[in-house]
Amino acid sequence: NDIDEQTSPVEARITFAVRLNKKNDFIGRESIQKLKEEGPSRVRT
């Protein structure tokens, strides 16, 4: 409903579950970081 594979944690406003600065790299990190810096075109409201 509210999240799926076409939805970023940045758009869903659940980046509290994302640790961009953790020691280990993780799948999706670069894309999430980029969207956070650029700003999403839609957000969960």
All heavy atoms as atom14 arrays in JSON, in Angstrom:
{
  "sequence": "NDIDEQTSPVEARITFAVRLNKKNDFIGRESIQKLKEEGPSRVRT",
  "atom14_mask": [
    [1, 1, 1, 1, 1, 1, 1, 1, 0, 0, 0, 0, 0, 0],
    [1, 1, 1, 1, 1, 1, 1, 1, 0, 0, 0, 0, 0, 0],
    [1, 1, 1, 1, 1, 1, 1, 1, 0, 0, 0, 0, 0, 0],
    [1, 1, 1, 1, 1, 1, 1, 1, 0, 0, 0, 0, 0, 0],
    [1, 1, 1, 1, 1, 1, 1, 1, 1, 0, 0, 0, 0, 0],
    [1, 1, 1, 1, 1, 1, 1, 1, 1, 0, 0, 0, 0, 0],
    [1, 1, 1, 1, 1, 1, 1, 0, 0, 0, 0, 0, 0, 0],
    [1, 1, 1, 1, 1, 1, 0, 0, 0, 0, 0, 0, 0, 0],
    [1, 1, 1, 1, 1, 1, 1, 0, 0, 0, 0, 0, 0, 0],
    [1, 1, 1, 1, 1, 1, 1, 0, 0, 0, 0, 0, 0, 0],
    [1, 1, 1, 1, 1, 1, 1, 1, 1, 0, 0, 0, 0, 0],
    [1, 1, 1, 1, 1, 0, 0, 0, 0, 0, 0, 0, 0, 0],
    [1, 1, 1, 1, 1, 1, 1, 1, 1, 1, 1, 0, 0, 0],
    [1, 1, 1, 1, 1, 1, 1, 1, 0, 0, 0, 0, 0, 0],
    [1, 1, 1, 1, 1, 1, 1, 0, 0, 0, 0, 0, 0, 0],
    [1, 1, 1, 1, 1, 1, 1, 1, 1, 1, 1, 0, 0, 0],
    [1, 1, 1, 1, 1, 0, 0, 0, 0, 0, 0, 0, 0, 0],
    [1, 1, 1, 1, 1, 1, 1, 0, 0, 0, 0, 0, 0, 0],
    [1, 1, 1, 1, 1, 1, 1, 1, 1, 1, 1, 0, 0, 0],
    [1, 1, 1, 1, 1, 1, 1, 1, 0, 0, 0, 0, 0, 0],
    [1, 1, 1, 1, 1, 1, 1, 1, 0, 0, 0, 0, 0, 0],
    [1, 1, 1, 1, 1, 1, 1, 1, 1, 0, 0, 0, 0, 0],
    [1, 1, 1, 1, 1, 1, 1, 1, 1, 0, 0, 0, 0, 0],
    [1, 1, 1, 1, 1, 1, 1, 1, 0, 0, 0, 0, 0, 0],
    [1, 1, 1, 1, 1, 1, 1, 1, 0, 0, 0, 0, 0, 0],
    [1, 1, 1, 1, 1, 1, 1, 1, 1, 1, 1, 0, 0, 0],
    [1, 1, 1, 1, 1, 1, 1, 1, 0, 0, 0, 0, 0, 0],
    [1, 1, 1, 1, 0, 0, 0, 0, 0, 0, 0, 0, 0, 0],
    [1, 1, 1, 1, 1, 1, 1, 1, 1, 1, 1, 0, 0, 0],
    [1, 1, 1, 1, 1, 1, 1, 1, 1, 0, 0, 0, 0, 0],
    [1, 1, 1, 1, 1, 1, 0, 0, 0, 0, 0, 0, 0, 0],
    [1, 1, 1, 1, 1, 1, 1, 1, 0, 0, 0, 0, 0, 0],
    [1, 1, 1, 1, 1, 1, 1, 1, 1, 0, 0, 0, 0, 0],
    [1, 1, 1, 1, 1, 1, 1, 1, 1, 0, 0, 0, 0, 0],
    [1, 1, 1, 1, 1, 1, 1, 1, 0, 0, 0, 0, 0, 0],
    [1, 1, 1, 1, 1, 1, 1, 1, 1, 0, 0, 0, 0, 0],
    [1, 1, 1, 1, 1, 1, 1, 1, 1, 0, 0, 0, 0, 0],
    [1, 1, 1, 1, 1, 1, 1, 1, 1, 0, 0, 0, 0, 0],
    [1, 1, 1, 1, 0, 0, 0, 0, 0, 0, 0, 0, 0, 0],
    [1, 1, 1, 1, 1, 1, 1, 0, 0, 0, 0, 0, 0, 0],
    [1, 1, 1, 1, 1, 1, 0, 0, 0, 0, 0, 0, 0, 0],
    [1, 1, 1, 1, 1, 1, 1, 1, 1, 1, 1, 0, 0, 0],
    [1, 1, 1, 1, 1, 1, 1, 0, 0, 0, 0, 0, 0, 0],
    [1, 1, 1, 1, 1, 1, 1, 1, 1, 1, 1, 0, 0, 0],
    [1, 1, 1, 1, 1, 1, 1, 0, 0, 0, 0, 0, 0, 0]
  ],
  "atom14_positions": [
    [[0.83, -1.2, 0.0], [0.0, 0.0, 0.0], [0.87, 1.25, 0.0], [0.85, 2.04, -0.93], [-0.92, 0.03, 1.22], [-2.11, -0.88, 1.1], [-1.99, -2.02, 0.69], [-3.28, -0.39, 1.49], [0.0, 0.0, 0.0], [0.0, 0.0, 0.0], [0.0, 0.0, 0.0], [0.0, 0.0, 0.0], [0.0, 0.0, 0.0], [0.0, 0.0, 0.0]],
    [[1.62, 1.42, 1.09], [2.37, 2.66, 1.31], [3.82, 2.58, 0.84], [4.45, 3.63, 0.65], [2.34, 3.02, 2.8], [0.93, 2.99, 3.36], [0.1, 3.78, 2.89], [0.65, 2.15, 4.24], [0.0, 0.0, 0.0], [0.0, 0.0, 0.0], [0.0, 0.0, 0.0], [0.0, 0.0, 0.0], [0.0, 0.0, 0.0], [0.0, 0.0, 0.0]],
    [[4.36, 1.4, 0.71], [5.74, 1.24, 0.24], [5.8, 0.05, -0.71], [5.06, -0.93, -0.56], [6.74, 1.04, 1.41], [6.27, -0.08, 2.35], [6.94, 2.34, 2.16], [7.25, -0.39, 3.47], [0.0, 0.0, 0.0], [0.0, 0.0, 0.0], [0.0, 0.0, 0.0], [0.0, 0.0, 0.0], [0.0, 0.0, 0.0], [0.0, 0.0, 0.0]],
    [[6.72, 0.14, -1.67], [6.94, -0.94, -2.63], [8.27, -0.71, -3.33], [9.03, 0.19, -2.94], [5.78, -1.05, -3.63], [5.5, 0.26, -4.35], [6.45, 1.07, -4.54], [4.35, 0.5, -4.74], [0.0, 0.0, 0.0], [0.0, 0.0, 0.0], [0.0, 0.0, 0.0], [0.0, 0.0, 0.0], [0.0, 0.0, 0.0], [0.0, 0.0, 0.0]],
    [[8.55, -1.46, -4.37], [9.84, -1.37, -5.04], [9.98, -0.1, -5.87], [11.08, 0.22, -6.34], [10.09, -2.6, -5.9], [10.3, -3.86, -5.09], [10.76, -5.05, -5.92], [11.36, -4.84, -6.98], [10.51, -6.19, -5.5], [0.0, 0.0, 0.0], [0.0, 0.0, 0.0], [0.0, 0.0, 0.0], [0.0, 0.0, 0.0], [0.0, 0.0, 0.0]],
    [[8.89, 0.64, -6.05], [8.97, 1.91, -6.76], [9.03, 3.09, -5.78], [8.97, 4.25, -6.18], [7.75, 2.09, -7.68], [7.84, 1.29, -8.98], [7.73, -0.2, -8.75], [6.78, -0.68, -8.12], [8.69, -0.96, -9.26], [0.0, 0.0, 0.0], [0.0, 0.0, 0.0], [0.0, 0.0, 0.0], [0.0, 0.0, 0.0], [0.0, 0.0, 0.0]],
    [[9.15, 2.78, -4.5], [9.15, 3.81, -3.46], [10.47, 3.8, -2.71], [10.94, 2.75, -2.27], [8.0, 3.57, -2.46], [6.76, 3.47, -3.17], [7.91, 4.7, -1.45], [0.0, 0.0, 0.0], [0.0, 0.0, 0.0], [0.0, 0.0, 0.0], [0.0, 0.0, 0.0], [0.0, 0.0, 0.0], [0.0, 0.0, 0.0], [0.0, 0.0, 0.0]],
    [[11.06, 4.97, -2.54], [12.3, 5.11, -1.79], [11.99, 5.39, -0.32], [10.97, 6.0, 0.0], [13.13, 6.27, -2.36], [14.14, 6.67, -1.46], [0.0, 0.0, 0.0], [0.0, 0.0, 0.0], [0.0, 0.0, 0.0], [0.0, 0.0, 0.0], [0.0, 0.0, 0.0], [0.0, 0.0, 0.0], [0.0, 0.0, 0.0], [0.0, 0.0, 0.0]],
    [[12.88, 4.99, 0.59], [12.7, 5.35, 2.0], [12.64, 6.86, 2.21], [12.01, 7.32, 3.16], [13.95, 4.76, 2.67], [14.41, 3.68, 1.76], [14.06, 4.13, 0.38], [0.0, 0.0, 0.0], [0.0, 0.0, 0.0], [0.0, 0.0, 0.0], [0.0, 0.0, 0.0], [0.0, 0.0, 0.0], [0.0, 0.0, 0.0], [0.0, 0.0, 0.0]],
    [[13.26, 7.61, 1.31], [13.22, 9.08, 1.41], [11.8, 9.57, 1.13], [11.26, 10.43, 1.85], [14.21, 9.72, 0.43], [14.15, 11.25, 0.51], [15.63, 9.23, 0.72], [0.0, 0.0, 0.0], [0.0, 0.0, 0.0], [0.0, 0.0, 0.0], [0.0, 0.0, 0.0], [0.0, 0.0, 0.0], [0.0, 0.0, 0.0], [0.0, 0.0, 0.0]],
    [[11.17, 9.05, 0.1], [9.8, 9.42, -0.23], [8.84, 8.97, 0.88], [7.89, 9.68, 1.21], [9.37, 8.77, -1.55], [10.16, 9.26, -2.76], [9.85, 8.46, -4.0], [9.76, 7.21, -3.91], [9.68, 9.07, -5.07], [0.0, 0.0, 0.0], [0.0, 0.0, 0.0], [0.0, 0.0, 0.0], [0.0, 0.0, 0.0], [0.0, 0.0, 0.0]],
    [[9.09, 7.79, 1.42], [8.21, 7.23, 2.46], [8.44, 7.84, 3.83], [7.69, 7.58, 4.76], [8.41, 5.72, 2.54], [0.0, 0.0, 0.0], [0.0, 0.0, 0.0], [0.0, 0.0, 0.0], [0.0, 0.0, 0.0], [0.0, 0.0, 0.0], [0.0, 0.0, 0.0], [0.0, 0.0, 0.0], [0.0, 0.0, 0.0], [0.0, 0.0, 0.0]],
    [[9.46, 8.67, 3.95], [9.82, 9.31, 5.22], [10.1, 8.28, 6.31], [9.66, 8.42, 7.46], [8.72, 10.28, 5.65], [8.63, 11.52, 4.77], [7.48, 12.44, 5.18], [7.59, 13.75, 4.56], [6.66, 14.69, 4.63], [5.54, 14.47, 5.29], [6.84, 15.87, 4.04], [0.0, 0.0, 0.0], [0.0, 0.0, 0.0], [0.0, 0.0, 0.0]],
    [[10.84, 7.23, 5.95], [11.26, 6.23, 6.93], [12.78, 6.07, 6.92], [13.31, 4.98, 7.11], [10.57, 4.86, 6.71], [10.72, 4.39, 5.25], [9.1, 4.92, 7.1], [10.15, 2.99, 5.02], [0.0, 0.0, 0.0], [0.0, 0.0, 0.0], [0.0, 0.0, 0.0], [0.0, 0.0, 0.0], [0.0, 0.0, 0.0], [0.0, 0.0, 0.0]],
    [[13.48, 7.18, 6.72], [14.94, 7.13, 6.71], [15.54, 6.9, 8.1], [16.74, 6.72, 8.22], [15.53, 8.43, 6.12], [14.95, 9.56, 6.78], [15.24, 8.53, 4.63], [0.0, 0.0, 0.0], [0.0, 0.0, 0.0], [0.0, 0.0, 0.0], [0.0, 0.0, 0.0], [0.0, 0.0, 0.0], [0.0, 0.0, 0.0], [0.0, 0.0, 0.0]],
    [[14.68, 6.89, 9.14], [15.18, 6.5, 10.47], [15.68, 5.06, 10.45], [16.47, 4.66, 11.32], [14.09, 6.67, 11.53], [12.9, 5.75, 11.34], [12.89, 4.47, 11.86], [11.78, 6.19, 10.63], [11.8, 3.63, 11.68], [10.69, 5.35, 10.44], [10.7, 4.07, 10.97], [0.0, 0.0, 0.0], [0.0, 0.0, 0.0], [0.0, 0.0, 0.0]],
    [[15.23, 4.26, 9.47], [15.67, 2.87, 9.35], [16.85, 2.73, 8.38], [17.22, 1.62, 8.03], [14.51, 2.0, 8.88], [0.0, 0.0, 0.0], [0.0, 0.0, 0.0], [0.0, 0.0, 0.0], [0.0, 0.0, 0.0], [0.0, 0.0, 0.0], [0.0, 0.0, 0.0], [0.0, 0.0, 0.0], [0.0, 0.0, 0.0], [0.0, 0.0, 0.0]],
    [[17.41, 3.84, 7.95], [18.52, 3.83, 6.99], [19.74, 4.49, 7.63], [19.66, 5.62, 8.11], [18.15, 4.59, 5.7], [19.33, 4.58, 4.72], [16.91, 3.98, 5.06], [0.0, 0.0, 0.0], [0.0, 0.0, 0.0], [0.0, 0.0, 0.0], [0.0, 0.0, 0.0], [0.0, 0.0, 0.0], [0.0, 0.0, 0.0], [0.0, 0.0, 0.0]],
    [[20.85, 3.78, 7.67], [22.09, 4.31, 8.23], [23.08, 4.53, 7.09], [23.88, 3.65, 6.76], [22.66, 3.35, 9.27], [21.79, 3.18, 10.5], [21.75, 4.46, 11.34], [20.91, 4.28, 12.53], [19.63, 4.59, 12.6], [19.03, 5.1, 11.52], [18.96, 4.41, 13.7], [0.0, 0.0, 0.0], [0.0, 0.0, 0.0], [0.0, 0.0, 0.0]],
    [[23.02, 5.69, 6.49], [23.88, 5.99, 5.35], [25.36, 6.05, 5.74], [26.24, 5.85, 4.91], [23.46, 7.32, 4.72], [22.11, 7.32, 4.0], [21.69, 8.74, 3.63], [22.15, 6.44, 2.75], [0.0, 0.0, 0.0], [0.0, 0.0, 0.0], [0.0, 0.0, 0.0], [0.0, 0.0, 0.0], [0.0, 0.0, 0.0], [0.0, 0.0, 0.0]],
    [[25.64, 6.31, 7.01], [27.02, 6.44, 7.46], [27.57, 5.19, 8.13], [28.64, 5.23, 8.74], [27.14, 7.63, 8.43], [26.27, 7.44, 9.68], [25.43, 6.55, 9.73], [26.48, 8.28, 10.66], [0.0, 0.0, 0.0], [0.0, 0.0, 0.0], [0.0, 0.0, 0.0], [0.0, 0.0, 0.0], [0.0, 0.0, 0.0], [0.0, 0.0, 0.0]],
    [[26.84, 4.06, 8.03], [27.35, 2.85, 8.67], [28.58, 2.34, 7.93], [28.79, 2.63, 6.74], [26.27, 1.77, 8.77], [25.84, 1.13, 7.47], [24.83, 0.02, 7.76], [24.34, -0.66, 6.5], [23.43, -1.79, 6.77], [0.0, 0.0, 0.0], [0.0, 0.0, 0.0], [0.0, 0.0, 0.0], [0.0, 0.0, 0.0], [0.0, 0.0, 0.0]],
    [[29.39, 1.58, 8.62], [30.68, 1.13, 8.08], [30.51, 0.29, 6.83], [31.23, 0.46, 5.84], [31.42, 0.34, 9.16], [32.8, -0.14, 8.72], [33.5, -0.88, 9.85], [34.86, -1.38, 9.41], [35.54, -2.12, 10.51], [0.0, 0.0, 0.0], [0.0, 0.0, 0.0], [0.0, 0.0, 0.0], [0.0, 0.0, 0.0], [0.0, 0.0, 0.0]],
    [[29.56, -0.63, 6.85], [29.35, -1.52, 5.71], [28.5, -0.84, 4.64], [27.47, -0.24, 4.94], [28.66, -2.81, 6.16], [29.53, -3.64, 7.08], [29.86, -3.22, 8.18], [29.88, -4.84, 6.66], [0.0, 0.0, 0.0], [0.0, 0.0, 0.0], [0.0, 0.0, 0.0], [0.0, 0.0, 0.0], [0.0, 0.0, 0.0], [0.0, 0.0, 0.0]],
    [[28.93, -0.97, 3.39], [28.11, -0.5, 2.28], [26.88, -1.41, 2.16], [26.92, -2.57, 2.57], [28.9, -0.53, 0.98], [28.2, 0.24, -0.14], [27.3, 1.04, 0.17], [28.56, 0.01, -1.3], [0.0, 0.0, 0.0], [0.0, 0.0, 0.0], [0.0, 0.0, 0.0], [0.0, 0.0, 0.0], [0.0, 0.0, 0.0], [0.0, 0.0, 0.0]],
    [[25.78, -0.91, 1.62], [24.59, -1.74, 1.47], [23.92, -1.46, 0.13], [24.08, -0.37, -0.46], [23.61, -1.54, 2.62], [23.05, -0.15, 2.75], [21.91, 0.24, 2.06], [23.67, 0.78, 3.57], [21.38, 1.51, 2.18], [23.15, 2.07, 3.7], [22.01, 2.43, 3.01], [0.0, 0.0, 0.0], [0.0, 0.0, 0.0], [0.0, 0.0, 0.0]],
    [[23.17, -2.42, -0.33], [22.49, -2.32, -1.62], [21.45, -1.19, -1.57], [20.59, -1.16, -0.7], [21.81, -3.65, -2.0], [22.87, -4.75, -2.16], [20.99, -3.51, -3.28], [22.29, -6.13, -2.38], [0.0, 0.0, 0.0], [0.0, 0.0, 0.0], [0.0, 0.0, 0.0], [0.0, 0.0, 0.0], [0.0, 0.0, 0.0], [0.0, 0.0, 0.0]],
    [[21.56, -0.26, -2.51], [20.64, 0.87, -2.58], [21.17, 2.14, -1.96], [20.55, 3.21, -2.08], [0.0, 0.0, 0.0], [0.0, 0.0, 0.0], [0.0, 0.0, 0.0], [0.0, 0.0, 0.0], [0.0, 0.0, 0.0], [0.0, 0.0, 0.0], [0.0, 0.0, 0.0], [0.0, 0.0, 0.0], [0.0, 0.0, 0.0], [0.0, 0.0, 0.0]],
    [[22.31, 2.06, -1.29], [22.84, 3.2, -0.54], [23.06, 4.44, -1.43], [22.62, 5.55, -1.08], [24.15, 2.81, 0.12], [24.79, 3.91, 0.96], [26.08, 3.39, 1.56], [26.59, 4.26, 2.61], [27.57, 3.91, 3.43], [28.13, 2.72, 3.33], [28.0, 4.74, 4.35], [0.0, 0.0, 0.0], [0.0, 0.0, 0.0], [0.0, 0.0, 0.0]],
    [[23.7, 4.26, -2.56], [24.02, 5.39, -3.43], [22.75, 6.08, -3.93], [22.66, 7.31, -3.95], [24.87, 4.91, -4.61], [25.33, 6.03, -5.53], [26.24, 5.54, -6.65], [26.79, 4.42, -6.52], [26.38, 6.27, -7.65], [0.0, 0.0, 0.0], [0.0, 0.0, 0.0], [0.0, 0.0, 0.0], [0.0, 0.0, 0.0], [0.0, 0.0, 0.0]],
    [[21.75, 5.29, -4.32], [20.5, 5.86, -4.83], [19.74, 6.61, -3.75], [19.17, 7.68, -3.99], [19.63, 4.76, -5.43], [20.27, 4.14, -6.53], [0.0, 0.0, 0.0], [0.0, 0.0, 0.0], [0.0, 0.0, 0.0], [0.0, 0.0, 0.0], [0.0, 0.0, 0.0], [0.0, 0.0, 0.0], [0.0, 0.0, 0.0], [0.0, 0.0, 0.0]],
    [[19.71, 6.04, -2.55], [19.01, 6.69, -1.43], [19.71, 8.0, -1.07], [19.06, 9.03, -0.83], [18.94, 5.74, -0.22], [18.08, 4.52, -0.56], [18.37, 6.47, 1.0], [18.13, 3.42, 0.48], [0.0, 0.0, 0.0], [0.0, 0.0, 0.0], [0.0, 0.0, 0.0], [0.0, 0.0, 0.0], [0.0, 0.0, 0.0], [0.0, 0.0, 0.0]],
    [[21.03, 7.97, -1.02], [21.8, 9.16, -0.69], [21.55, 10.27, -1.72], [21.34, 11.44, -1.37], [23.29, 8.82, -0.67], [24.21, 10.02, -0.4], [24.18, 10.46, 1.04], [24.49, 9.68, 1.95], [23.79, 11.71, 1.29], [0.0, 0.0, 0.0], [0.0, 0.0, 0.0], [0.0, 0.0, 0.0], [0.0, 0.0, 0.0], [0.0, 0.0, 0.0]],
    [[21.53, 9.9, -2.99], [21.33, 10.88, -4.06], [19.95, 11.53, -3.96], [19.82, 12.76, -4.07], [21.49, 10.21, -5.42], [21.36, 11.16, -6.6], [21.56, 10.43, -7.92], [21.4, 11.39, -9.1], [21.57, 10.69, -10.41], [0.0, 0.0, 0.0], [0.0, 0.0, 0.0], [0.0, 0.0, 0.0], [0.0, 0.0, 0.0], [0.0, 0.0, 0.0]],
    [[18.91, 10.73, -3.73], [17.56, 11.27, -3.63], [17.42, 12.16, -2.4], [16.74, 13.19, -2.44], [16.53, 10.15, -3.6], [15.06, 10.59, -3.63], [14.76, 11.39, -4.89], [14.13, 9.39, -3.53], [0.0, 0.0, 0.0], [0.0, 0.0, 0.0], [0.0, 0.0, 0.0], [0.0, 0.0, 0.0], [0.0, 0.0, 0.0], [0.0, 0.0, 0.0]],
    [[18.07, 11.78, -1.32], [18.01, 12.6, -0.11], [18.64, 13.96, -0.35], [18.13, 14.99, 0.12], [18.73, 11.89, 1.03], [18.65, 12.62, 2.36], [19.31, 11.84, 3.48], [19.19, 12.58, 4.8], [19.84, 11.84, 5.92], [0.0, 0.0, 0.0], [0.0, 0.0, 0.0], [0.0, 0.0, 0.0], [0.0, 0.0, 0.0], [0.0, 0.0, 0.0]],
    [[19.73, 14.0, -1.1], [20.41, 15.27, -1.38], [19.63, 16.12, -2.37], [19.55, 17.34, -2.21], [21.81, 14.98, -1.93], [22.75, 14.35, -0.9], [24.06, 13.9, -1.51], [24.19, 13.94, -2.75], [24.96, 13.47, -0.75], [0.0, 0.0, 0.0], [0.0, 0.0, 0.0], [0.0, 0.0, 0.0], [0.0, 0.0, 0.0], [0.0, 0.0, 0.0]],
    [[19.05, 15.48, -3.4], [18.32, 16.23, -4.43], [16.92, 16.62, -3.97], [16.38, 17.65, -4.41], [18.22, 15.39, -5.7], [19.56, 15.12, -6.37], [19.42, 14.23, -7.59], [18.32, 13.65, -7.78], [20.39, 14.12, -8.36], [0.0, 0.0, 0.0], [0.0, 0.0, 0.0], [0.0, 0.0, 0.0], [0.0, 0.0, 0.0], [0.0, 0.0, 0.0]],
    [[16.33, 15.81, -3.1], [14.96, 16.04, -2.65], [13.96, 15.28, -3.51], [14.07, 15.3, -4.73], [0.0, 0.0, 0.0], [0.0, 0.0, 0.0], [0.0, 0.0, 0.0], [0.0, 0.0, 0.0], [0.0, 0.0, 0.0], [0.0, 0.0, 0.0], [0.0, 0.0, 0.0], [0.0, 0.0, 0.0], [0.0, 0.0, 0.0], [0.0, 0.0, 0.0]],
    [[12.99, 14.59, -2.9], [12.01, 13.8, -3.65], [10.94, 14.67, -4.27], [10.66, 15.78, -3.8], [11.42, 12.88, -2.58], [11.51, 13.7, -1.33], [12.79, 14.49, -1.44], [0.0, 0.0, 0.0], [0.0, 0.0, 0.0], [0.0, 0.0, 0.0], [0.0, 0.0, 0.0], [0.0, 0.0, 0.0], [0.0, 0.0, 0.0], [0.0, 0.0, 0.0]],
    [[10.32, 14.16, -5.33], [9.22, 14.88, -5.98], [7.87, 14.58, -5.33], [6.87, 15.24, -5.64], [9.16, 14.51, -7.47], [8.92, 13.12, -7.62], [0.0, 0.0, 0.0], [0.0, 0.0, 0.0], [0.0, 0.0, 0.0], [0.0, 0.0, 0.0], [0.0, 0.0, 0.0], [0.0, 0.0, 0.0], [0.0, 0.0, 0.0], [0.0, 0.0, 0.0]],
    [[7.84, 13.6, -4.45], [6.63, 13.25, -3.71], [7.05, 12.72, -2.35], [8.15, 12.19, -2.17], [5.81, 12.19, -4.46], [6.57, 10.89, -4.66], [5.71, 9.78, -5.18], [6.38, 8.48, -5.03], [5.78, 7.32, -4.91], [4.44, 7.26, -4.94], [6.45, 6.2, -4.77], [0.0, 0.0, 0.0], [0.0, 0.0, 0.0], [0.0, 0.0, 0.0]],
    [[6.18, 12.86, -1.35], [6.46, 12.36, -0.01], [5.19, 11.77, 0.6], [4.07, 12.18, 0.26], [6.99, 13.47, 0.92], [8.39, 13.9, 0.51], [6.05, 14.67, 0.95], [0.0, 0.0, 0.0], [0.0, 0.0, 0.0], [0.0, 0.0, 0.0], [0.0, 0.0, 0.0], [0.0, 0.0, 0.0], [0.0, 0.0, 0.0], [0.0, 0.0, 0.0]],
    [[5.38, 10.83, 1.51], [4.23, 10.25, 2.22], [3.67, 11.31, 3.16], [4.39, 11.94, 3.93], [4.67, 9.0, 3.0], [3.54, 8.32, 3.76], [3.98, 6.96, 4.28], [5.09, 7.05, 5.23], [4.96, 7.06, 6.55], [3.74, 6.98, 7.1], [6.02, 7.13, 7.33], [0.0, 0.0, 0.0], [0.0, 0.0, 0.0], [0.0, 0.0, 0.0]],
    [[2.36, 11.46, 3.1], [1.69, 12.54, 3.8], [0.5, 12.0, 4.58], [-0.32, 11.25, 4.05], [1.19, 13.6, 2.79], [2.31, 14.06, 2.02], [0.53, 14.77, 3.49], [0.0, 0.0, 0.0], [0.0, 0.0, 0.0], [0.0, 0.0, 0.0], [0.0, 0.0, 0.0], [0.0, 0.0, 0.0], [0.0, 0.0, 0.0], [0.0, 0.0, 0.0]]
  ]
}
